[in-house]
Amino acid sequence: MKEWAEGFYTGTAWRNCRASFIARRISIDGGLCQRCRQRLGYIVHHMVELTPENITDADIALNQANLEYLCHECHNAEHDVFQPADRKVLFDADGNVIAVEDREKNFS
């Protein structure tokens, strides 16, 4: 998480927005990833990326029309988290180092 966004993501407004969005997705399709529709959603993703300039704009930051419920794998693909397969280490969505064999085990 970017330092400038920490207050937003730990705040009540985002937590309430996120919880209601997940509840709505669960009522619609059981909480499936909105991209692959093969795995359960894991991360509420902003389609219009938050920036220091727009994070206080509720029409972007808290608008459920700008949100998407993604599985971990689709979210990582969106942010190009995984590096080429010849790398010895990779990074998860939180920036933690993971071994290549752990990636195959956890994300297949």
C-alpha atoms as a PDB file:
ATOM      1  CA  MET A   1       0.000   0.000   0.000  1.00  0.00           C
ATOM      2  CA  LYS A   2       1.256   3.432  -0.857  1.00  0.00           C
ATOM      3  CA  GLU A   3       1.960   5.642   2.148  1.00  0.00           C
ATOM      4  CA  TRP A   4      -0.351   8.429   0.923  1.00  0.00           C
ATOM      5  CA  ALA A   5      -3.270   5.946   0.776  1.00  0.00           C
ATOM      6  CA  GLU A   6      -2.897   4.346   4.221  1.00  0.00           C
ATOM      7  CA  GLY A   7      -5.358   6.672   5.941  1.00  0.00           C
ATOM      8  CA  PHE A   8      -7.985   6.058   3.271  1.00  0.00           C
ATOM      9  CA  TYR A   9      -7.732   2.262   3.337  1.00  0.00           C
ATOM     10  CA  THR A  10      -7.845   2.097   7.139  1.00  0.00           C
ATOM     11  CA  GLY A  11     -10.703   4.596   7.392  1.00  0.00           C
ATOM     12  CA  THR A  12     -14.333   3.897   8.192  1.00  0.00           C
ATOM     13  CA  ALA A  13     -15.695   5.190   4.868  1.00  0.00           C
ATOM     14  CA  TRP A  14     -13.597   2.754   2.811  1.00  0.00           C
ATOM     15  CA  ARG A  15     -14.186  -0.158   5.171  1.00  0.00           C
ATOM     16  CA  ASN A  16     -17.961   0.356   4.983  1.00  0.00           C
ATOM     17  CA  CYS A  17     -17.902   0.821   1.208  1.00  0.00           C
ATOM     18  CA  ARG A  18     -15.761  -2.292   0.735  1.00  0.00           C
ATOM     19  CA  ALA A  19     -17.941  -4.413   3.046  1.00  0.00           C
ATOM     20  CA  SER A  20     -21.171  -3.389   1.321  1.00  0.00           C
ATOM     21  CA  PHE A  21     -19.641  -3.980  -2.119  1.00  0.00           C
ATOM     22  CA  ILE A  22     -18.482  -7.487  -1.150  1.00  0.00           C
ATOM     23  CA  ALA A  23     -21.915  -8.257   0.356  1.00  0.00           C
ATOM     24  CA  ARG A  24     -23.573  -7.142  -2.882  1.00  0.00           C
ATOM     25  CA  ARG A  25     -21.218  -9.281  -4.994  1.00  0.00           C
ATOM     26  CA  ILE A  26     -21.907 -12.296  -2.767  1.00  0.00           C
ATOM     27  CA  SER A  27     -25.659 -11.790  -3.206  1.00  0.00           C
ATOM     28  CA  ILE A  28     -25.251 -11.539  -6.997  1.00  0.00           C
ATOM     29  CA  ASP A  29     -22.981 -14.485  -7.793  1.00  0.00           C
ATOM     30  CA  GLY A  30     -21.617 -15.880  -4.551  1.00  0.00           C
ATOM     31  CA  GLY A  31     -18.631 -13.521  -4.642  1.00  0.00           C
ATOM     32  CA  LEU A  32     -16.950 -14.761  -7.816  1.00  0.00           C
ATOM     33  CA  CYS A  33     -14.088 -12.847  -9.379  1.00  0.00           C
ATOM     34  CA  GLN A  34     -15.625 -10.421 -11.853  1.00  0.00           C
ATOM     35  CA  ARG A  35     -12.896 -11.101 -14.420  1.00  0.00           C
ATOM     36  CA  CYS A  36     -12.275 -14.838 -14.580  1.00  0.00           C
ATOM     37  CA  ARG A  37     -15.482 -15.973 -12.827  1.00  0.00           C
ATOM     38  CA  GLN A  38     -13.551 -19.116 -11.805  1.00  0.00           C
ATOM     39  CA  ARG A  39     -12.319 -18.213  -8.315  1.00  0.00           C
ATOM     40  CA  LEU A  40     -13.754 -16.311  -5.382  1.00  0.00           C
ATOM     41  CA  GLY A  41     -13.080 -12.614  -5.164  1.00  0.00           C
ATOM     42  CA  TYR A  42     -10.330 -11.566  -2.789  1.00  0.00           C
ATOM     43  CA  ILE A  43      -9.577  -7.873  -3.404  1.00  0.00           C
ATOM     44  CA  VAL A  44     -11.849  -4.908  -4.075  1.00  0.00           C
ATOM     45  CA  HIS A  45     -10.069  -3.128  -6.919  1.00  0.00           C
ATOM     46  CA  HIS A  46     -10.526   0.468  -8.083  1.00  0.00           C
ATOM     47  CA  MET A  47     -10.905   0.447 -11.882  1.00  0.00           C
ATOM     48  CA  VAL A  48      -9.882   4.121 -12.015  1.00  0.00           C
ATOM     49  CA  GLU A  49      -6.670   3.966 -10.035  1.00  0.00           C
ATOM     50  CA  LEU A  50      -6.501   6.061  -6.902  1.00  0.00           C
ATOM     51  CA  THR A  51      -3.921   8.833  -6.888  1.00  0.00           C
ATOM     52  CA  PRO A  52      -2.985  11.485  -4.344  1.00  0.00           C
ATOM     53  CA  GLU A  53      -5.066  13.896  -6.439  1.00  0.00           C
ATOM     54  CA  ASN A  54      -8.307  11.862  -6.564  1.00  0.00           C
ATOM     55  CA  ILE A  55      -8.296   9.855  -3.329  1.00  0.00           C
ATOM     56  CA  THR A  56     -10.517  12.428  -1.613  1.00  0.00           C
ATOM     57  CA  ASP A  57     -13.022  12.415  -4.506  1.00  0.00           C
ATOM     58  CA  ALA A  58     -15.845  10.141  -3.308  1.00  0.00           C
ATOM     59  CA  ASP A  59     -17.092   9.754  -6.903  1.00  0.00           C
ATOM     60  CA  ILE A  60     -13.876   7.843  -7.602  1.00  0.00           C
ATOM     61  CA  ALA A  61     -12.688   6.456  -4.275  1.00  0.00           C
ATOM     62  CA  LEU A  62     -16.035   5.353  -2.812  1.00  0.00           C
ATOM     63  CA  ASN A  63     -18.182   4.874  -5.915  1.00  0.00           C
ATOM     64  CA  GLN A  64     -19.179   1.218  -6.234  1.00  0.00           C
ATOM     65  CA  ALA A  65     -19.436   1.676 -10.010  1.00  0.00           C
ATOM     66  CA  ASN A  66     -15.637   2.141  -9.927  1.00  0.00           C
ATOM     67  CA  LEU A  67     -15.047  -1.073  -7.982  1.00  0.00           C
ATOM     68  CA  GLU A  68     -14.383  -4.600  -9.118  1.00  0.00           C
ATOM     69  CA  TYR A  69     -14.134  -7.774  -7.011  1.00  0.00           C
ATOM     70  CA  LEU A  70     -11.090  -9.705  -8.179  1.00  0.00           C
ATOM     71  CA  CYS A  71      -9.418 -12.944  -7.175  1.00  0.00           C
ATOM     72  CA  HIS A  72      -5.800 -12.689  -6.098  1.00  0.00           C
ATOM     73  CA  GLU A  73      -4.525 -13.980  -9.448  1.00  0.00           C
ATOM     74  CA  CYS A  74      -6.528 -11.531 -11.583  1.00  0.00           C
ATOM     75  CA  HIS A  75      -5.577  -8.630  -9.311  1.00  0.00           C
ATOM     76  CA  ASN A  76      -1.902  -9.556  -9.585  1.00  0.00           C
ATOM     77  CA  ALA A  77      -2.235  -9.740 -13.367  1.00  0.00           C
ATOM     78  CA  GLU A  78      -3.882  -6.291 -13.381  1.00  0.00           C
ATOM     79  CA  HIS A  79      -0.906  -4.822 -11.561  1.00  0.00           C
ATOM     80  CA  ASP A  80       1.677  -6.977 -13.354  1.00  0.00           C
ATOM     81  CA  VAL A  81       2.881  -8.331 -10.004  1.00  0.00           C
ATOM     82  CA  PHE A  82       4.430 -11.521 -11.336  1.00  0.00           C
ATOM     83  CA  GLN A  83       7.713 -11.298 -13.149  1.00  0.00           C
ATOM     84  CA  PRO A  84       8.914 -13.616 -15.944  1.00  0.00           C
ATOM     85  CA  ALA A  85       9.094 -17.294 -14.984  1.00  0.00           C
ATOM     86  CA  ASP A  86      12.910 -17.377 -14.968  1.00  0.00           C
ATOM     87  CA  ARG A  87      13.034 -15.136 -11.897  1.00  0.00           C
ATOM     88  CA  LYS A  88      14.036 -16.787  -8.613  1.00  0.00           C
ATOM     89  CA  VAL A  89      11.634 -14.710  -6.515  1.00  0.00           C
ATOM     90  CA  LEU A  90       8.337 -12.969  -7.132  1.00  0.00           C
ATOM     91  CA  PHE A  91       6.204 -10.530  -5.168  1.00  0.00           C
ATOM     92  CA  ASP A  92       2.633 -10.901  -3.927  1.00  0.00           C
ATOM     93  CA  ALA A  93      -0.013  -8.129  -3.968  1.00  0.00           C
ATOM     94  CA  ASP A  94       1.328  -6.755  -0.679  1.00  0.00           C
ATOM     95  CA  GLY A  95       4.913  -6.576  -1.963  1.00  0.00           C
ATOM     96  CA  ASN A  96       6.122  -9.578   0.031  1.00  0.00           C
ATOM     97  CA  VAL A  97       8.774 -11.773  -1.560  1.00  0.00           C
ATOM     98  CA  ILE A  98       7.573 -15.262  -2.477  1.00  0.00           C
ATOM     99  CA  ALA A  99       9.555 -18.127  -3.944  1.00  0.00           C
ATOM    100  CA  VAL A 100       8.643 -19.241  -7.459  1.00  0.00           C
ATOM    101  CA  GLU A 101       7.559 -22.689  -6.232  1.00  0.00           C
ATOM    102  CA  ASP A 102       5.278 -21.032  -3.618  1.00  0.00           C
ATOM    103  CA  ARG A 103       3.627 -19.010  -6.398  1.00  0.00           C
ATOM    104  CA  GLU A 104       2.785 -22.155  -8.323  1.00  0.00           C
ATOM    105  CA  LYS A 105       1.398 -23.802  -5.195  1.00  0.00           C
ATOM    106  CA  ASN A 106      -0.658 -20.787  -4.039  1.00  0.00           C
ATOM    107  CA  PHE A 107      -1.956 -19.372  -7.317  1.00  0.00           C
ATOM    108  CA  SER A 108      -2.670 -22.330  -9.558  1.00  0.00           C
END
